[in-house]
Amino acid sequence: MLAEGKIDLLSDVSYTEERAKQILYSAEPMGSEGYHVFITPTNNEIKPDDFSTFNGKRLGVNKNSIQEKLFVEWAQKHDVHPEIVELTAKTPELLDMLAKDEIDMLVTLDTYGNSADVVPVCKIGYA
């Protein structure tokens, strides 16, 4: 809607070079968002103190998102090799997929750890 001129202002838009070609970002920072890997409270296989337990597990992340980029960089740094499942749904649907064991882990905003039945395993970055 911003790009189409239907709205004039939009907050909470992560910076990317591609977006900066189309929209004018504020010169002042508006804050930052942290991103975590979350699991269900019943998941006993994935351990926060042993990242090798991520290997081979299905990790859901929004396709072509800031979260995906940050996770890939984090995974390379920590020599972690999950099966990355690129998704295009809204966060409530992703949380539902996690609850139904359709994915083993989910990368999303740290704020969902306060409102959903999920457990943060590790922070993978912020933007």
N, C-alpha and C. Protein backbone atom coordinates (compact mmCIF):
# COMPACT_ATOMS: atom_id res chain seq x y z
N MET A 1 0.82 -1.19 0.00
CA MET A 1 0.00 0.00 0.00
C MET A 1 0.87 1.26 0.00
N LEU A 2 2.01 1.19 0.67
CA LEU A 2 2.93 2.33 0.68
C LEU A 2 3.45 2.58 -0.72
N ALA A 3 3.89 1.54 -1.38
CA ALA A 3 4.44 1.68 -2.73
C ALA A 3 3.39 2.18 -3.73
N GLU A 4 2.13 1.84 -3.49
CA GLU A 4 1.05 2.27 -4.38
C GLU A 4 0.51 3.64 -4.02
N GLY A 5 1.03 4.26 -2.94
CA GLY A 5 0.57 5.58 -2.53
C GLY A 5 -0.75 5.58 -1.78
N LYS A 6 -1.21 4.40 -1.35
CA LYS A 6 -2.48 4.31 -0.62
C LYS A 6 -2.32 4.74 0.84
N ILE A 7 -1.09 4.61 1.36
CA ILE A 7 -0.76 5.11 2.69
C ILE A 7 0.53 5.91 2.58
N ASP A 8 0.74 6.84 3.52
CA ASP A 8 1.92 7.70 3.46
C ASP A 8 3.05 7.25 4.38
N LEU A 9 2.72 6.60 5.47
CA LEU A 9 3.72 6.17 6.44
C LEU A 9 3.50 4.72 6.81
N LEU A 10 4.59 4.02 7.09
CA LEU A 10 4.51 2.63 7.51
C LEU A 10 5.67 2.37 8.45
N SER A 11 5.37 1.92 9.64
CA SER A 11 6.43 1.64 10.60
C SER A 11 6.80 0.16 10.56
N ASP A 12 7.91 -0.16 11.20
CA ASP A 12 8.33 -1.55 11.39
C ASP A 12 8.61 -2.27 10.07
N VAL A 13 9.32 -1.61 9.18
CA VAL A 13 9.71 -2.22 7.91
C VAL A 13 11.22 -2.43 7.95
N SER A 14 11.64 -3.68 7.92
CA SER A 14 13.07 -3.99 7.94
C SER A 14 13.75 -3.43 6.70
N TYR A 15 14.93 -2.89 6.88
CA TYR A 15 15.67 -2.28 5.78
C TYR A 15 16.27 -3.34 4.88
N THR A 16 16.09 -3.17 3.59
CA THR A 16 16.82 -3.94 2.58
C THR A 16 17.19 -2.98 1.46
N GLU A 17 18.24 -3.29 0.74
CA GLU A 17 18.66 -2.45 -0.39
C GLU A 17 17.55 -2.35 -1.43
N GLU A 18 16.88 -3.47 -1.68
CA GLU A 18 15.81 -3.49 -2.68
C GLU A 18 14.66 -2.57 -2.27
N ARG A 19 14.27 -2.64 -1.00
CA ARG A 19 13.18 -1.77 -0.54
C ARG A 19 13.60 -0.31 -0.57
N ALA A 20 14.85 -0.03 -0.26
CA ALA A 20 15.33 1.36 -0.21
C ALA A 20 15.27 2.03 -1.59
N LYS A 21 15.21 1.24 -2.65
CA LYS A 21 15.06 1.80 -4.00
C LYS A 21 13.65 2.31 -4.24
N GLN A 22 12.70 1.81 -3.44
CA GLN A 22 11.29 2.15 -3.65
C GLN A 22 10.71 3.06 -2.57
N ILE A 23 11.25 3.00 -1.36
CA ILE A 23 10.68 3.79 -0.26
C ILE A 23 11.77 4.57 0.46
N LEU A 24 11.36 5.63 1.10
CA LEU A 24 12.28 6.46 1.85
C LEU A 24 12.24 6.04 3.31
N TYR A 25 13.37 5.57 3.82
CA TYR A 25 13.47 5.17 5.22
C TYR A 25 13.80 6.39 6.07
N SER A 26 13.39 6.36 7.30
CA SER A 26 13.71 7.40 8.26
C SER A 26 15.22 7.47 8.47
N ALA A 27 15.72 8.69 8.68
CA ALA A 27 17.15 8.86 8.97
C ALA A 27 17.46 8.42 10.39
N GLU A 28 16.44 8.34 11.24
CA GLU A 28 16.61 7.95 12.63
C GLU A 28 16.11 6.51 12.81
N PRO A 29 16.82 5.72 13.60
CA PRO A 29 16.36 4.35 13.83
C PRO A 29 15.04 4.33 14.59
N MET A 30 14.21 3.37 14.26
CA MET A 30 12.92 3.21 14.92
C MET A 30 12.97 2.09 15.95
N GLY A 31 14.09 1.46 16.10
CA GLY A 31 14.23 0.33 17.01
C GLY A 31 14.78 -0.86 16.25
N SER A 32 14.79 -1.98 16.89
CA SER A 32 15.26 -3.19 16.23
C SER A 32 14.38 -4.36 16.65
N GLU A 33 14.40 -5.39 15.83
CA GLU A 33 13.65 -6.60 16.11
C GLU A 33 14.63 -7.75 16.25
N GLY A 34 14.42 -8.53 17.27
CA GLY A 34 15.25 -9.72 17.46
C GLY A 34 14.53 -10.94 16.91
N TYR A 35 15.30 -11.89 16.42
CA TYR A 35 14.74 -13.10 15.84
C TYR A 35 15.31 -14.31 16.57
N HIS A 36 14.43 -15.24 16.90
CA HIS A 36 14.81 -16.45 17.63
C HIS A 36 14.36 -17.69 16.87
N VAL A 37 14.99 -18.79 17.22
CA VAL A 37 14.50 -20.11 16.83
C VAL A 37 13.61 -20.57 17.98
N PHE A 38 12.38 -20.96 17.65
CA PHE A 38 11.43 -21.43 18.65
C PHE A 38 11.09 -22.90 18.41
N ILE A 39 10.77 -23.58 19.49
CA ILE A 39 10.28 -24.96 19.45
C ILE A 39 9.04 -25.04 20.34
N THR A 40 8.36 -26.17 20.29
CA THR A 40 7.24 -26.38 21.19
C THR A 40 7.77 -26.79 22.56
N PRO A 41 7.01 -26.57 23.63
CA PRO A 41 7.46 -26.96 24.96
C PRO A 41 7.66 -28.47 25.13
N THR A 42 7.03 -29.25 24.28
CA THR A 42 7.15 -30.71 24.38
C THR A 42 8.31 -31.28 23.58
N ASN A 43 9.01 -30.44 22.84
CA ASN A 43 10.13 -30.91 22.01
C ASN A 43 11.34 -31.16 22.92
N ASN A 44 11.69 -32.44 23.07
CA ASN A 44 12.82 -32.82 23.91
C ASN A 44 14.07 -33.15 23.11
N GLU A 45 13.99 -33.05 21.79
CA GLU A 45 15.12 -33.42 20.94
C GLU A 45 16.06 -32.25 20.67
N ILE A 46 15.52 -31.05 20.60
CA ILE A 46 16.33 -29.88 20.25
C ILE A 46 16.75 -29.19 21.54
N LYS A 47 18.06 -29.01 21.70
CA LYS A 47 18.63 -28.48 22.93
C LYS A 47 19.30 -27.13 22.70
N PRO A 48 19.02 -26.15 23.56
CA PRO A 48 19.64 -24.82 23.40
C PRO A 48 21.15 -24.82 23.63
N ASP A 49 21.65 -25.81 24.33
CA ASP A 49 23.08 -25.87 24.61
C ASP A 49 23.83 -26.83 23.68
N ASP A 50 23.13 -27.35 22.66
CA ASP A 50 23.77 -28.26 21.70
C ASP A 50 23.14 -28.03 20.32
N PHE A 51 23.73 -27.10 19.58
CA PHE A 51 23.17 -26.74 18.28
C PHE A 51 23.21 -27.89 17.28
N SER A 52 24.02 -28.91 17.53
CA SER A 52 24.04 -30.06 16.61
C SER A 52 22.68 -30.76 16.61
N THR A 53 21.85 -30.54 17.64
CA THR A 53 20.51 -31.15 17.67
C THR A 53 19.58 -30.52 16.64
N PHE A 54 20.00 -29.41 16.03
CA PHE A 54 19.24 -28.79 14.94
C PHE A 54 19.40 -29.57 13.63
N ASN A 55 20.50 -30.28 13.50
CA ASN A 55 20.84 -30.94 12.24
C ASN A 55 19.76 -31.93 11.82
N GLY A 56 19.33 -31.79 10.57
CA GLY A 56 18.32 -32.68 10.00
C GLY A 56 16.90 -32.35 10.39
N LYS A 57 16.70 -31.42 11.30
CA LYS A 57 15.35 -31.04 11.72
C LYS A 57 14.75 -30.04 10.73
N ARG A 58 13.42 -30.00 10.65
CA ARG A 58 12.71 -29.10 9.74
C ARG A 58 12.56 -27.73 10.41
N LEU A 59 13.20 -26.73 9.82
CA LEU A 59 13.15 -25.37 10.35
C LEU A 59 12.33 -24.50 9.42
N GLY A 60 11.21 -23.99 9.91
CA GLY A 60 10.36 -23.12 9.11
C GLY A 60 10.80 -21.68 9.21
N VAL A 61 10.82 -21.01 8.06
CA VAL A 61 11.17 -19.60 8.01
C VAL A 61 10.49 -18.99 6.78
N ASN A 62 10.09 -17.73 6.91
CA ASN A 62 9.45 -17.08 5.76
C ASN A 62 10.44 -16.92 4.61
N LYS A 63 10.02 -17.36 3.45
CA LYS A 63 10.83 -17.35 2.24
C LYS A 63 11.29 -15.93 1.89
N ASN A 64 12.57 -15.81 1.58
CA ASN A 64 13.18 -14.54 1.16
C ASN A 64 13.03 -13.42 2.18
N SER A 65 12.97 -13.77 3.44
CA SER A 65 12.79 -12.78 4.51
C SER A 65 14.13 -12.42 5.15
N ILE A 66 14.10 -11.36 5.94
CA ILE A 66 15.26 -10.98 6.74
C ILE A 66 15.63 -12.14 7.67
N GLN A 67 14.60 -12.78 8.25
CA GLN A 67 14.84 -13.90 9.16
C GLN A 67 15.60 -15.04 8.47
N GLU A 68 15.22 -15.32 7.23
CA GLU A 68 15.89 -16.40 6.51
C GLU A 68 17.36 -16.06 6.28
N LYS A 69 17.62 -14.84 5.86
CA LYS A 69 19.00 -14.40 5.63
C LYS A 69 19.81 -14.49 6.92
N LEU A 70 19.26 -13.98 8.01
CA LEU A 70 19.96 -14.02 9.29
C LEU A 70 20.20 -15.45 9.76
N PHE A 71 19.19 -16.32 9.57
CA PHE A 71 19.36 -17.70 10.00
C PHE A 71 20.45 -18.40 9.20
N VAL A 72 20.44 -18.23 7.89
CA VAL A 72 21.46 -18.89 7.05
C VAL A 72 22.86 -18.46 7.49
N GLU A 73 23.04 -17.17 7.74
CA GLU A 73 24.34 -16.68 8.22
C GLU A 73 24.69 -17.28 9.58
N TRP A 74 23.73 -17.31 10.49
CA TRP A 74 23.94 -17.87 11.82
C TRP A 74 24.29 -19.36 11.72
N ALA A 75 23.55 -20.10 10.89
CA ALA A 75 23.77 -21.54 10.73
C ALA A 75 25.17 -21.84 10.19
N GLN A 76 25.63 -21.05 9.23
CA GLN A 76 26.98 -21.24 8.70
C GLN A 76 28.02 -20.99 9.78
N LYS A 77 27.83 -19.95 10.54
CA LYS A 77 28.77 -19.61 11.62
C LYS A 77 28.84 -20.71 12.67
N HIS A 78 27.72 -21.37 12.94
CA HIS A 78 27.66 -22.38 13.99
C HIS A 78 27.69 -23.81 13.45
N ASP A 79 27.94 -23.96 12.15
CA ASP A 79 28.01 -25.28 11.51
C ASP A 79 26.77 -26.12 11.79
N VAL A 80 25.60 -25.49 11.57
CA VAL A 80 24.31 -26.12 11.81
C VAL A 80 23.65 -26.40 10.46
N HIS A 81 23.03 -27.59 10.33
CA HIS A 81 22.48 -28.00 9.04
C HIS A 81 21.07 -28.58 9.16
N PRO A 82 20.08 -27.73 9.46
CA PRO A 82 18.71 -28.23 9.44
C PRO A 82 18.17 -28.27 8.02
N GLU A 83 17.01 -28.85 7.86
CA GLU A 83 16.29 -28.78 6.60
C GLU A 83 15.48 -27.49 6.64
N ILE A 84 15.84 -26.52 5.82
CA ILE A 84 15.14 -25.24 5.82
C ILE A 84 13.88 -25.37 4.97
N VAL A 85 12.74 -25.10 5.60
CA VAL A 85 11.44 -25.16 4.94
C VAL A 85 11.00 -23.71 4.73
N GLU A 86 11.04 -23.26 3.47
CA GLU A 86 10.65 -21.89 3.15
C GLU A 86 9.13 -21.81 3.08
N LEU A 87 8.58 -20.88 3.85
CA LEU A 87 7.13 -20.75 3.98
C LEU A 87 6.68 -19.36 3.56
N THR A 88 5.40 -19.20 3.29
CA THR A 88 4.87 -17.90 2.89
C THR A 88 3.62 -17.53 3.67
N ALA A 89 3.38 -18.15 4.79
CA ALA A 89 2.17 -17.89 5.58
C ALA A 89 2.41 -16.80 6.62
N LYS A 90 1.34 -16.33 7.23
CA LYS A 90 1.42 -15.37 8.33
C LYS A 90 1.87 -16.11 9.60
N THR A 91 2.43 -15.38 10.53
CA THR A 91 2.99 -15.98 11.74
C THR A 91 2.01 -16.87 12.50
N PRO A 92 0.75 -16.49 12.70
CA PRO A 92 -0.15 -17.41 13.41
C PRO A 92 -0.26 -18.79 12.75
N GLU A 93 -0.26 -18.80 11.42
CA GLU A 93 -0.29 -20.09 10.70
C GLU A 93 1.01 -20.86 10.90
N LEU A 94 2.13 -20.15 10.93
CA LEU A 94 3.42 -20.80 11.15
C LEU A 94 3.49 -21.40 12.54
N LEU A 95 2.98 -20.67 13.53
CA LEU A 95 2.95 -21.19 14.89
C LEU A 95 2.06 -22.43 14.97
N ASP A 96 0.98 -22.44 14.22
CA ASP A 96 0.10 -23.60 14.16
C ASP A 96 0.83 -24.79 13.53
N MET A 97 1.61 -24.55 12.50
CA MET A 97 2.40 -25.62 11.88
C MET A 97 3.38 -26.21 12.88
N LEU A 98 3.98 -25.35 13.69
CA LEU A 98 4.91 -25.81 14.72
C LEU A 98 4.16 -26.66 15.75
N ALA A 99 3.01 -26.20 16.18
CA ALA A 99 2.22 -26.94 17.17
C ALA A 99 1.78 -28.30 16.65
N LYS A 100 1.52 -28.40 15.33
CA LYS A 100 1.08 -29.65 14.71
C LYS A 100 2.24 -30.54 14.28
N ASP A 101 3.47 -30.15 14.63
CA ASP A 101 4.69 -30.91 14.27
C ASP A 101 4.91 -31.02 12.77
N GLU A 102 4.39 -30.06 12.01
CA GLU A 102 4.66 -30.02 10.57
C GLU A 102 6.06 -29.48 10.33
N ILE A 103 6.57 -28.71 11.27
CA ILE A 103 7.96 -28.26 11.31
C ILE A 103 8.44 -28.48 12.74
N ASP A 104 9.74 -28.62 12.91
CA ASP A 104 10.31 -28.86 14.24
C ASP A 104 10.72 -27.57 14.94
N MET A 105 11.07 -26.55 14.15
CA MET A 105 11.54 -25.28 14.68
C MET A 105 10.97 -24.17 13.80
N LEU A 106 10.92 -22.96 14.36
CA LEU A 106 10.43 -21.82 13.61
C LEU A 106 11.28 -20.60 13.95
N VAL A 107 11.70 -19.88 12.93
CA VAL A 107 12.39 -18.61 13.14
C VAL A 107 11.37 -17.49 12.98
N THR A 108 11.23 -16.68 14.02
CA THR A 108 10.32 -15.55 13.96
C THR A 108 10.73 -14.51 15.00
N LEU A 109 9.96 -13.45 15.09
CA LEU A 109 10.23 -12.36 16.01
C LEU A 109 10.26 -12.83 17.46
N ASP A 110 11.13 -12.24 18.24
CA ASP A 110 11.23 -12.63 19.64
C ASP A 110 9.95 -12.35 20.43
N THR A 111 9.13 -11.43 19.97
CA THR A 111 7.90 -11.09 20.71
C THR A 111 6.90 -12.24 20.75
N TYR A 112 6.98 -13.18 19.82
CA TYR A 112 6.04 -14.30 19.84
C TYR A 112 6.31 -15.25 20.99
N GLY A 113 7.48 -15.20 21.55
CA GLY A 113 7.79 -16.03 22.71
C GLY A 113 6.96 -15.65 23.92
N ASN A 114 6.43 -14.44 23.94
CA ASN A 114 5.61 -13.98 25.06
C ASN A 114 4.14 -14.34 24.90
N SER A 115 3.69 -14.54 23.68
CA SER A 115 2.26 -14.70 23.45
C SER A 115 1.84 -16.07 22.92
N ALA A 116 2.76 -16.88 22.53
CA ALA A 116 2.43 -18.18 21.95
C ALA A 116 2.99 -19.29 22.84
N ASP A 117 2.51 -20.49 22.63
CA ASP A 117 2.98 -21.64 23.40
C ASP A 117 4.23 -22.20 22.74
N VAL A 118 5.31 -21.40 22.79
CA VAL A 118 6.58 -21.77 22.19
C VAL A 118 7.71 -21.46 23.16
N VAL A 119 8.85 -22.07 22.92
CA VAL A 119 10.03 -21.87 23.76
C VAL A 119 11.17 -21.37 22.88
N PRO A 120 11.80 -20.25 23.23
CA PRO A 120 12.94 -19.80 22.44
C PRO A 120 14.16 -20.68 22.71
N VAL A 121 14.84 -21.06 21.65
CA VAL A 121 16.03 -21.90 21.78
C VAL A 121 17.28 -21.04 21.71
N CYS A 122 17.31 -20.12 20.74
CA CYS A 122 18.47 -19.23 20.61
C CYS A 122 18.10 -18.02 19.76
N LYS A 123 18.84 -16.94 19.99
CA LYS A 123 18.67 -15.74 19.18
C LYS A 123 19.61 -15.86 18.00
N ILE A 124 19.09 -15.61 16.80
CA ILE A 124 19.93 -15.75 15.61
C ILE A 124 20.33 -14.40 15.02
N GLY A 125 19.76 -13.33 15.54
CA GLY A 125 20.15 -12.01 15.06
C GLY A 125 19.05 -11.00 15.26
N TYR A 126 19.30 -9.81 14.74
CA TYR A 126 18.33 -8.73 14.83
C TYR A 126 18.49 -7.81 13.64
N ALA A 127 17.44 -7.07 13.37
CA ALA A 127 17.47 -6.12 12.27
C ALA A 127 16.75 -4.86 12.67
